[in-house]
Protein backbone atom coordinates (compact mmCIF):
# COMPACT_ATOMS: atom_id res chain seq x y z
CA MET A 1 -0.62 9.57 -22.82
CA SER A 2 -4.31 9.92 -22.00
CA ASP A 3 -3.69 8.38 -18.56
CA PHE A 4 -1.27 11.21 -17.82
CA LYS A 5 -3.83 13.77 -18.98
CA GLU A 6 -6.52 12.18 -16.81
CA LYS A 7 -4.24 12.25 -13.76
CA PHE A 8 -3.35 15.88 -14.44
CA ALA A 9 -7.03 16.85 -14.85
CA GLU A 10 -7.89 14.98 -11.65
CA GLU A 11 -5.18 16.79 -9.67
CA GLU A 12 -6.29 20.12 -11.14
CA MET A 13 -9.88 19.41 -10.08
CA LEU A 14 -8.73 18.55 -6.56
CA ARG A 15 -6.59 21.70 -6.34
CA LYS A 16 -9.53 23.89 -7.33
CA ASN A 17 -12.01 22.19 -4.99
CA PRO A 18 -12.52 24.34 -1.88
CA ASP A 19 -13.91 21.43 0.18
CA VAL A 20 -10.88 19.97 1.98
CA HIS A 21 -12.95 17.09 3.40
CA TYR A 22 -14.02 16.03 -0.09
CA VAL A 23 -10.44 16.14 -1.38
CA ASN A 24 -9.17 14.06 1.56
CA ALA A 25 -12.04 11.57 1.17
CA TYR A 26 -11.38 11.31 -2.58
CA ARG A 27 -7.67 10.60 -2.07
CA ARG A 28 -8.45 8.04 0.66
CA MET A 29 -10.94 6.33 -1.67
CA LYS A 30 -8.24 6.13 -4.36
CA ARG A 31 -5.81 4.49 -1.91
CA ILE A 32 -8.44 1.97 -0.81
CA LYS A 33 -9.35 1.22 -4.42
CA GLY A 34 -5.66 0.69 -5.23
CA PHE A 35 -5.40 -1.82 -2.40
CA TYR A 36 -8.45 -3.76 -3.61
CA VAL A 37 -7.05 -3.88 -7.16
CA HIS A 38 -3.75 -5.15 -5.73
CA LEU A 39 -5.61 -7.78 -3.67
CA SER A 40 -7.63 -8.94 -6.72
CA ILE A 41 -4.53 -9.32 -8.88
CA TYR A 42 -2.74 -11.13 -6.03
CA LEU A 43 -5.57 -13.64 -5.68
CA LEU A 44 -5.98 -14.29 -9.41
CA VAL A 45 -2.27 -14.69 -10.15
CA ASN A 46 -1.49 -16.82 -7.10
CA ILE A 47 -4.49 -19.13 -7.53
CA PHE A 48 -3.34 -19.71 -11.10
CA LEU A 49 0.32 -20.26 -10.11
CA ILE A 50 -0.54 -22.60 -7.23
CA ALA A 51 -2.85 -24.60 -9.51
CA VAL A 52 -0.16 -24.90 -12.20
CA ASN A 53 2.57 -25.80 -9.70
CA GLY A 54 0.27 -28.25 -7.94
CA SER A 55 -0.65 -30.03 -11.17
CA GLU A 56 3.01 -30.25 -12.22
CA ARG A 57 3.93 -31.71 -8.85
CA ALA A 58 1.08 -34.21 -9.06
CA GLU A 59 2.34 -35.38 -12.47
CA ASP A 60 5.85 -35.83 -11.07
CA GLY A 61 4.50 -37.66 -8.04
CA GLU A 62 5.72 -34.97 -5.63
CA ASN A 63 3.87 -33.64 -2.63
CA PHE A 64 1.58 -30.64 -3.27
CA TRP A 65 2.31 -29.16 0.16
CA HIS A 66 5.83 -28.14 -0.67
CA TRP A 67 7.55 -24.78 -0.03
CA LYS A 68 8.14 -24.13 -3.75
CA THR A 69 4.42 -24.31 -4.43
CA PHE A 70 3.66 -21.33 -2.17
CA THR A 71 6.84 -19.23 -2.36
CA MET A 72 5.43 -16.53 -4.66
CA ALA A 73 2.19 -16.24 -2.69
CA PHE A 74 4.11 -15.96 0.59
CA PHE A 75 6.50 -13.19 -0.41
CA TRP A 76 3.95 -11.26 -2.43
CA GLY A 77 1.59 -11.64 0.53
CA ILE A 78 4.12 -9.86 2.75
CA GLY A 79 4.05 -6.94 0.33
CA LEU A 80 0.26 -7.03 0.24
CA VAL A 81 0.08 -6.88 4.04
CA GLY A 82 2.43 -3.89 3.97
CA HIS A 83 0.22 -2.20 1.39
CA GLY A 84 -2.85 -2.88 3.51
CA LEU A 85 -1.18 -1.44 6.61
CA THR A 86 -0.34 1.77 4.77
CA VAL A 87 -3.92 2.11 3.56
CA PHE A 88 -5.97 1.04 6.57
CA CYS A 89 -3.63 1.54 9.55
CA ARG A 90 -1.76 4.70 8.59
CA ASP A 91 -2.00 6.27 12.02
CA VAL A 92 -0.78 3.24 13.97
CA PHE A 93 2.94 3.99 13.67
CA PHE A 94 3.30 7.54 12.37
CA GLY A 95 0.01 9.29 13.07
CA LYS A 96 -0.66 13.00 13.55
CA ASN A 97 0.12 12.76 17.25
CA TRP A 98 3.57 11.33 16.49
CA GLU A 99 4.21 14.04 13.89
CA GLU A 100 3.36 16.82 16.37
CA LYS A 101 5.58 15.33 19.06
CA LYS A 102 8.47 14.91 16.63
CA ILE A 103 8.15 18.50 15.39
CA GLN A 104 8.23 19.79 18.97
CA GLN A 105 11.25 17.60 19.76
CA ILE A 106 13.16 18.82 16.70
CA MET A 107 12.33 22.44 17.46
CA LYS A 108 13.56 22.07 21.06
CA SER A 109 16.80 20.36 20.05
CA SER A 110 17.55 22.95 17.34
CA ASN A 111 17.01 25.81 19.83
CA ARG A 112 19.51 24.32 22.30
CA GLY A 113 22.33 24.34 19.77
CA LYS A 114 22.14 28.08 18.96
CA TRP A 115 24.40 30.77 20.52
CA GLU A 116 21.74 33.25 21.52
């Protein structure tokens, strides 16, 4: 429950802060920190899993370089790349320029359909 209270207090502090640049920088820092935590967990878990799978395959006399050894790391890695793109390359696909153009396009198309 204390995590919820901390999040609520944090959001309250951000709402009351008059410096918009600070609030944006703080939220960006939290997104970057979340990505680095995700990356750390990804590395730790997958190094462990690859080591365990590799040692089991060595005992059975199988080849280490097998698809099953790296399946988890591969698919989780796709998710990690997606997370990284949302954090570091947010404006590549749907940036502010795209939003403005889309708003103008929607406004124009909605005006055409009216009987004025």
